[in-house]
């Protein structure tokens, strides 16, 4: 097997510029009128709430918000 001269090939590869495509990511700006609020509740109550939300196939957030709405904001 004859030894090949790779310097010309390497020089050619260095001259070639590969343009990598750049993907522009634009976030969807959705303004939500929400504020993060955290609180401490007993572990057993949280477990029960999670079970109820799973049974009703809704998120824990929606379950708690609907309970607050029913208790404090309906029929006023």
PDB file of N, CA and C in Angstrom:
ATOM      1  N   UNK A   1       0.827  -1.178   0.000  1.00  0.00           N
ATOM      2  CA  UNK A   1       0.000   0.000   0.000  1.00  0.00           C
ATOM      3  C   UNK A   1       0.872   1.243   0.000  1.00  0.00           C
ATOM      4  N   UNK A   2       0.615   2.135  -0.915  1.00  0.00           N
ATOM      5  CA  UNK A   2       1.424   3.337  -1.050  1.00  0.00           C
ATOM      6  C   UNK A   2       0.945   4.393  -0.069  1.00  0.00           C
ATOM      7  N   UNK A   3       1.887   5.139   0.454  1.00  0.00           N
ATOM      8  CA  UNK A   3       1.589   6.205   1.383  1.00  0.00           C
ATOM      9  C   UNK A   3       1.034   7.391   0.603  1.00  0.00           C
ATOM     10  N   UNK A   4      -0.120   7.933   1.082  1.00  0.00           N
ATOM     11  CA  UNK A   4      -0.754   9.034   0.363  1.00  0.00           C
ATOM     12  C   UNK A   4      -0.443  10.352   1.065  1.00  0.00           C
ATOM     13  N   UNK A   5      -0.467  11.416   0.271  1.00  0.00           N
ATOM     14  CA  UNK A   5      -0.225  12.754   0.803  1.00  0.00           C
ATOM     15  C   UNK A   5      -1.575  13.362   1.206  1.00  0.00           C
ATOM     16  N   UNK A   6      -1.801  13.437   2.496  1.00  0.00           N
ATOM     17  CA  UNK A   6      -3.063  13.947   3.000  1.00  0.00           C
ATOM     18  C   UNK A   6      -3.057  15.451   3.247  1.00  0.00           C
ATOM     19  N   UNK A   7      -1.938  16.108   3.090  1.00  0.00           N
ATOM     20  CA  UNK A   7      -1.867  17.546   3.384  1.00  0.00           C
ATOM     21  C   UNK A   7      -2.772  18.352   2.463  1.00  0.00           C
ATOM     22  N   UNK A   8      -2.853  17.960   1.210  1.00  0.00           N
ATOM     23  CA  UNK A   8      -3.723  18.682   0.269  1.00  0.00           C
ATOM     24  C   UNK A   8      -5.184  18.491   0.660  1.00  0.00           C
ATOM     25  N   UNK A   9      -5.527  17.283   1.058  1.00  0.00           N
ATOM     26  CA  UNK A   9      -6.893  16.991   1.464  1.00  0.00           C
ATOM     27  C   UNK A   9      -7.255  17.743   2.749  1.00  0.00           C
ATOM     28  N   UNK A  10      -6.329  17.800   3.684  1.00  0.00           N
ATOM     29  CA  UNK A  10      -6.562  18.527   4.938  1.00  0.00           C
ATOM     30  C   UNK A  10      -6.709  20.014   4.666  1.00  0.00           C
ATOM     31  N   UNK A  11      -5.878  20.570   3.795  1.00  0.00           N
ATOM     32  CA  UNK A  11      -5.976  21.982   3.427  1.00  0.00           C
ATOM     33  C   UNK A  11      -7.306  22.301   2.766  1.00  0.00           C
ATOM     34  N   UNK A  12      -7.768  21.404   1.929  1.00  0.00           N
ATOM     35  CA  UNK A  12      -9.045  21.596   1.255  1.00  0.00           C
ATOM     36  C   UNK A  12     -10.197  21.568   2.266  1.00  0.00           C
ATOM     37  N   UNK A  13     -10.102  20.674   3.231  1.00  0.00           N
ATOM     38  CA  UNK A  13     -11.141  20.570   4.256  1.00  0.00           C
ATOM     39  C   UNK A  13     -11.163  21.814   5.134  1.00  0.00           C
ATOM     40  N   UNK A  14     -10.014  22.378   5.431  1.00  0.00           N
ATOM     41  CA  UNK A  14      -9.938  23.595   6.243  1.00  0.00           C
ATOM     42  C   UNK A  14     -10.505  24.803   5.513  1.00  0.00           C
ATOM     43  N   UNK A  15     -10.375  24.840   4.205  1.00  0.00           N
ATOM     44  CA  UNK A  15     -10.883  25.951   3.418  1.00  0.00           C
ATOM     45  C   UNK A  15     -12.408  25.930   3.321  1.00  0.00           C
ATOM     46  N   UNK A  16     -12.979  24.759   3.323  1.00  0.00           N
ATOM     47  CA  UNK A  16     -14.421  24.622   3.188  1.00  0.00           C
ATOM     48  C   UNK A  16     -15.092  25.011   4.498  1.00  0.00           C
ATOM     49  N   UNK A  17     -15.983  25.972   4.413  1.00  0.00           N
ATOM     50  CA  UNK A  17     -16.718  26.400   5.602  1.00  0.00           C
ATOM     51  C   UNK A  17     -18.092  25.748   5.585  1.00  0.00           C
ATOM     52  N   UNK A  18     -18.382  25.098   6.665  1.00  0.00           N
ATOM     53  CA  UNK A  18     -19.685  24.458   6.789  1.00  0.00           C
ATOM     54  C   UNK A  18     -20.601  25.400   7.547  1.00  0.00           C
ATOM     55  N   UNK A  19     -21.700  25.726   6.903  1.00  0.00           N
ATOM     56  CA  UNK A  19     -22.664  26.605   7.554  1.00  0.00           C
ATOM     57  C   UNK A  19     -23.666  25.745   8.308  1.00  0.00           C
ATOM     58  N   UNK A  20     -23.602  25.866   9.610  1.00  0.00           N
ATOM     59  CA  UNK A  20     -24.535  25.129  10.452  1.00  0.00           C
ATOM     60  C   UNK A  20     -25.839  25.901  10.519  1.00  0.00           C
ATOM     61  N   UNK A  21     -26.944  25.256  10.234  1.00  0.00           N
ATOM     62  CA  UNK A  21     -28.221  25.965  10.314  1.00  0.00           C
ATOM     63  C   UNK A  21     -28.524  26.351  11.766  1.00  0.00           C
ATOM     64  N   UNK A  22     -29.022  27.550  11.937  1.00  0.00           N
ATOM     65  CA  UNK A  22     -29.352  28.056  13.269  1.00  0.00           C
ATOM     66  C   UNK A  22     -30.856  28.169  13.363  1.00  0.00           C
ATOM     67  N   UNK A  23     -31.400  27.539  14.371  1.00  0.00           N
ATOM     68  CA  UNK A  23     -32.839  27.586  14.571  1.00  0.00           C
ATOM     69  C   UNK A  23     -33.158  28.703  15.543  1.00  0.00           C
ATOM     70  N   UNK A  24     -34.069  29.556  15.138  1.00  0.00           N
ATOM     71  CA  UNK A  24     -34.463  30.665  15.990  1.00  0.00           C
ATOM     72  C   UNK A  24     -35.654  30.221  16.834  1.00  0.00           C
ATOM     73  N   UNK A  25     -35.488  30.311  18.137  1.00  0.00           N
ATOM     74  CA  UNK A  25     -36.543  29.913  19.056  1.00  0.00           C
ATOM     75  C   UNK A  25     -37.211  31.169  19.584  1.00  0.00           C
ATOM     76  N   UNK A  26     -38.489  31.258  19.329  1.00  0.00           N
ATOM     77  CA  UNK A  26     -39.253  32.418  19.789  1.00  0.00           C
ATOM     78  C   UNK A  26     -40.300  31.927  20.787  1.00  0.00           C
ATOM     79  N   UNK A  27     -40.166  32.339  22.044  1.00  0.00           N
ATOM     80  CA  UNK A  27     -41.147  31.882  23.025  1.00  0.00           C
ATOM     81  C   UNK A  27     -42.509  32.518  22.792  1.00  0.00           C
ATOM     82  N   UNK A  28     -43.529  31.745  23.092  1.00  0.00           N
ATOM     83  CA  UNK A  28     -44.886  32.258  22.983  1.00  0.00           C
ATOM     84  C   UNK A  28     -45.165  33.055  24.247  1.00  0.00           C
ATOM     85  N   UNK A  29     -45.481  34.304  24.057  1.00  0.00           N
ATOM     86  CA  UNK A  29     -45.726  35.160  25.209  1.00  0.00           C
ATOM     87  C   UNK A  29     -47.212  35.108  25.560  1.00  0.00           C
ATOM     88  N   UNK A  30     -47.477  34.436  26.639  1.00  0.00           N
ATOM     89  CA  UNK A  30     -48.837  34.307  27.118  1.00  0.00           C
ATOM     90  C   UNK A  30     -48.888  34.926  28.502  1.00  0.00           C
ATOM     91  N   UNK A  31     -49.594  36.000  28.638  1.00  0.00           N
ATOM     92  CA  UNK A  31     -49.685  36.640  29.941  1.00  0.00           C
ATOM     93  C   UNK A  31     -50.773  35.952  30.742  1.00  0.00           C
ATOM     94  N   UNK A  32     -50.393  35.432  31.875  1.00  0.00           N
ATOM     95  CA  UNK A  32     -51.350  34.821  32.768  1.00  0.00           C
ATOM     96  C   UNK A  32     -51.489  35.724  33.980  1.00  0.00           C
ATOM     97  N   UNK A  33     -52.696  35.885  34.390  1.00  0.00           N
ATOM     98  CA  UNK A  33     -52.953  36.722  35.548  1.00  0.00           C
ATOM     99  C   UNK A  33     -52.904  35.833  36.795  1.00  0.00           C
ATOM    100  N   UNK A  34     -51.735  35.268  37.050  1.00  0.00           N
ATOM    101  CA  UNK A  34     -51.539  34.365  38.161  1.00  0.00           C
ATOM    102  C   UNK A  34     -50.308  34.755  38.938  1.00  0.00           C
ATOM    103  N   UNK A  35     -50.332  34.415  40.221  1.00  0.00           N
ATOM    104  CA  UNK A  35     -49.202  34.665  41.104  1.00  0.00           C
ATOM    105  C   UNK A  35     -48.895  33.368  41.836  1.00  0.00           C
ATOM    106  N   UNK A  36     -47.633  33.047  41.965  1.00  0.00           N
ATOM    107  CA  UNK A  36     -47.226  31.856  42.686  1.00  0.00           C
ATOM    108  C   UNK A  36     -47.466  32.061  44.173  1.00  0.00           C
ATOM    109  N   UNK A  37     -48.114  31.083  44.798  1.00  0.00           N
ATOM    110  CA  UNK A  37     -48.418  31.147  46.224  1.00  0.00           C
ATOM    111  C   UNK A  37     -48.192  29.766  46.809  1.00  0.00           C
ATOM    112  N   UNK A  38     -47.414  29.680  47.849  1.00  0.00           N
ATOM    113  CA  UNK A  38     -47.178  28.372  48.458  1.00  0.00           C
ATOM    114  C   UNK A  38     -47.583  28.410  49.920  1.00  0.00           C
ATOM    115  N   UNK A  39     -47.972  27.253  50.418  1.00  0.00           N
ATOM    116  CA  UNK A  39     -48.397  27.159  51.810  1.00  0.00           C
ATOM    117  C   UNK A  39     -48.099  25.770  52.329  1.00  0.00           C
ATOM    118  N   UNK A  40     -48.145  25.645  53.630  1.00  0.00           N
ATOM    119  CA  UNK A  40     -47.919  24.355  54.270  1.00  0.00           C
ATOM    120  C   UNK A  40     -49.264  23.760  54.647  1.00  0.00           C
ATOM    121  N   UNK A  41     -49.474  22.492  54.264  1.00  0.00           N
ATOM    122  CA  UNK A  41     -50.671  21.762  54.667  1.00  0.00           C
ATOM    123  C   UNK A  41     -50.220  20.387  55.170  1.00  0.00           C
ATOM    124  N   UNK A  42     -51.006  19.774  56.007  1.00  0.00           N
ATOM    125  CA  UNK A  42     -50.617  18.448  56.495  1.00  0.00           C
ATOM    126  C   UNK A  42     -50.465  17.449  55.346  1.00  0.00           C
ATOM    127  N   UNK A  43     -49.504  16.561  55.492  1.00  0.00           N
ATOM    128  CA  UNK A  43     -49.176  15.591  54.441  1.00  0.00           C
ATOM    129  C   UNK A  43     -50.381  14.717  54.083  1.00  0.00           C
ATOM    130  N   UNK A  44     -51.157  14.318  55.064  1.00  0.00           N
ATOM    131  CA  UNK A  44     -52.321  13.466  54.797  1.00  0.00           C
ATOM    132  C   UNK A  44     -53.374  14.193  53.971  1.00  0.00           C
ATOM    133  N   UNK A  45     -53.558  15.494  54.228  1.00  0.00           N
ATOM    134  CA  UNK A  45     -54.522  16.270  53.432  1.00  0.00           C
ATOM    135  C   UNK A  45     -54.045  16.399  51.993  1.00  0.00           C
ATOM    136  N   UNK A  46     -52.767  16.623  51.809  1.00  0.00           N
ATOM    137  CA  UNK A  46     -52.223  16.733  50.452  1.00  0.00           C
ATOM    138  C   UNK A  46     -52.388  15.414  49.708  1.00  0.00           C
ATOM    139  N   UNK A  47     -52.124  14.309  50.392  1.00  0.00           N
ATOM    140  CA  UNK A  47     -52.278  12.993  49.776  1.00  0.00           C
ATOM    141  C   UNK A  47     -53.732  12.768  49.367  1.00  0.00           C
ATOM    142  N   UNK A  48     -54.672  13.145  50.234  1.00  0.00           N
ATOM    143  CA  UNK A  48     -56.091  12.984  49.920  1.00  0.00           C
ATOM    144  C   UNK A  48     -56.507  13.867  48.747  1.00  0.00           C
ATOM    145  N   UNK A  49     -55.992  15.102  48.711  1.00  0.00           N
ATOM    146  CA  UNK A  49     -56.306  16.005  47.602  1.00  0.00           C
ATOM    147  C   UNK A  49     -55.762  15.466  46.280  1.00  0.00           C
ATOM    148  N   UNK A  50     -54.572  14.897  46.316  1.00  0.00           N
ATOM    149  CA  UNK A  50     -53.998  14.311  45.104  1.00  0.00           C
ATOM    150  C   UNK A  50     -54.841  13.136  44.617  1.00  0.00           C
ATOM    151  N   UNK A  51     -55.331  12.339  45.553  1.00  0.00           N
ATOM    152  CA  UNK A  51     -56.182  11.212  45.184  1.00  0.00           C
ATOM    153  C   UNK A  51     -57.487  11.701  44.548  1.00  0.00           C
ATOM    154  N   UNK A  52     -58.084  12.728  45.139  1.00  0.00           N
ATOM    155  CA  UNK A  52     -59.332  13.283  44.602  1.00  0.00           C
ATOM    156  C   UNK A  52     -59.103  13.846  43.205  1.00  0.00           C
ATOM    157  N   UNK A  53     -58.005  14.577  43.038  1.00  0.00           N
ATOM    158  CA  UNK A  53     -57.730  15.162  41.719  1.00  0.00           C
ATOM    159  C   UNK A  53     -57.477  14.078  40.675  1.00  0.00           C
ATOM    160  N   UNK A  54     -56.841  12.980  41.069  1.00  0.00           N
ATOM    161  CA  UNK A  54     -56.605  11.874  40.133  1.00  0.00           C
ATOM    162  C   UNK A  54     -57.925  11.193  39.773  1.00  0.00           C
ATOM    163  N   UNK A  55     -58.803  11.022  40.761  1.00  0.00           N
ATOM    164  CA  UNK A  55     -60.097  10.390  40.501  1.00  0.00           C
ATOM    165  C   UNK A  55     -60.955  11.239  39.568  1.00  0.00           C
ATOM    166  N   UNK A  56     -60.876  12.562  39.732  1.00  0.00           N
ATOM    167  CA  UNK A  56     -61.669  13.471  38.907  1.00  0.00           C
ATOM    168  C   UNK A  56     -60.972  13.825  37.597  1.00  0.00           C
ATOM    169  N   UNK A  57     -59.747  13.328  37.431  1.00  0.00           N
ATOM    170  CA  UNK A  57     -58.950  13.561  36.229  1.00  0.00           C
ATOM    171  C   UNK A  57     -58.733  15.055  35.968  1.00  0.00           C
ATOM    172  N   UNK A  58     -58.440  15.792  37.030  1.00  0.00           N
ATOM    173  CA  UNK A  58     -58.089  17.213  36.918  1.00  0.00           C
ATOM    174  C   UNK A  58     -56.811  17.451  37.691  1.00  0.00           C
ATOM    175  N   UNK A  59     -56.177  18.572  37.428  1.00  0.00           N
ATOM    176  CA  UNK A  59     -54.931  18.868  38.129  1.00  0.00           C
ATOM    177  C   UNK A  59     -55.229  19.300  39.561  1.00  0.00           C
ATOM    178  N   UNK A  60     -54.244  19.144  40.411  1.00  0.00           N
ATOM    179  CA  UNK A  60     -54.373  19.568  41.803  1.00  0.00           C
ATOM    180  C   UNK A  60     -54.618  21.074  41.880  1.00  0.00           C
ATOM    181  N   UNK A  61     -53.975  21.807  40.996  1.00  0.00           N
ATOM    182  CA  UNK A  61     -54.160  23.257  40.925  1.00  0.00           C
ATOM    183  C   UNK A  61     -55.622  23.603  40.632  1.00  0.00           C
ATOM    184  N   UNK A  62     -56.192  22.938  39.626  1.00  0.00           N
ATOM    185  CA  UNK A  62     -57.591  23.208  39.283  1.00  0.00           C
ATOM    186  C   UNK A  62     -58.541  22.792  40.391  1.00  0.00           C
ATOM    187  N   UNK A  63     -58.234  21.693  41.062  1.00  0.00           N
ATOM    188  CA  UNK A  63     -59.069  21.229  42.167  1.00  0.00           C
ATOM    189  C   UNK A  63     -59.102  22.272  43.287  1.00  0.00           C
ATOM    190  N   UNK A  64     -57.949  22.752  43.670  1.00  0.00           N
ATOM    191  CA  UNK A  64     -57.871  23.730  44.763  1.00  0.00           C
ATOM    192  C   UNK A  64     -58.506  25.051  44.350  1.00  0.00           C
ATOM    193  N   UNK A  65     -58.237  25.507  43.119  1.00  0.00           N
ATOM    194  CA  UNK A  65     -58.832  26.770  42.664  1.00  0.00           C
ATOM    195  C   UNK A  65     -60.354  26.684  42.591  1.00  0.00           C
ATOM    196  N   UNK A  66     -60.875  25.553  42.143  1.00  0.00           N
ATOM    197  CA  UNK A  66     -62.330  25.426  42.073  1.00  0.00           C
ATOM    198  C   UNK A  66     -62.948  25.381  43.469  1.00  0.00           C
ATOM    199  N   UNK A  67     -62.259  24.766  44.416  1.00  0.00           N
ATOM    200  CA  UNK A  67     -62.759  24.737  45.796  1.00  0.00           C
ATOM    201  C   UNK A  67     -62.772  26.141  46.402  1.00  0.00           C
ATOM    202  N   UNK A  68     -61.739  26.908  46.136  1.00  0.00           N
ATOM    203  CA  UNK A  68     -61.685  28.295  46.625  1.00  0.00           C
ATOM    204  C   UNK A  68     -62.794  29.116  45.981  1.00  0.00           C
ATOM    205  N   UNK A  69     -62.994  28.929  44.676  1.00  0.00           N
ATOM    206  CA  UNK A  69     -64.068  29.652  43.980  1.00  0.00           C
ATOM    207  C   UNK A  69     -65.434  29.325  44.571  1.00  0.00           C
ATOM    208  N   UNK A  70     -65.700  28.043  44.792  1.00  0.00           N
ATOM    209  CA  UNK A  70     -66.997  27.632  45.337  1.00  0.00           C
ATOM    210  C   UNK A  70     -67.211  28.173  46.746  1.00  0.00           C
ATOM    211  N   UNK A  71     -66.172  28.149  47.554  1.00  0.00           N
ATOM    212  CA  UNK A  71     -66.296  28.567  48.948  1.00  0.00           C
ATOM    213  C   UNK A  71     -66.400  30.086  49.095  1.00  0.00           C
ATOM    214  N   UNK A  72     -65.597  30.837  48.363  1.00  0.00           N
ATOM    215  CA  UNK A  72     -65.473  32.261  48.636  1.00  0.00           C
ATOM    216  C   UNK A  72     -65.984  33.198  47.545  1.00  0.00           C
ATOM    217  N   UNK A  73     -66.146  32.717  46.319  1.00  0.00           N
ATOM    218  CA  UNK A  73     -66.449  33.664  45.240  1.00  0.00           C
ATOM    219  C   UNK A  73     -67.770  33.398  44.516  1.00  0.00           C
ATOM    220  N   UNK A  74     -68.448  32.316  44.800  1.00  0.00           N
ATOM    221  CA  UNK A  74     -69.751  32.079  44.181  1.00  0.00           C
ATOM    222  C   UNK A  74     -70.863  32.525  45.118  1.00  0.00           C
ATOM    223  N   UNK A  75     -71.954  32.991  44.523  1.00  0.00           N
ATOM    224  CA  UNK A  75     -73.132  33.427  45.281  1.00  0.00           C
ATOM    225  C   UNK A  75     -72.842  34.604  46.208  1.00  0.00           C
ATOM    226  N   UNK A  76     -72.059  35.515  45.775  1.00  0.00           N
ATOM    227  CA  UNK A  76     -71.777  36.707  46.595  1.00  0.00           C
ATOM    228  C   UNK A  76     -72.304  37.935  45.905  1.00  0.00           C
TER     229      UNK A  76
END
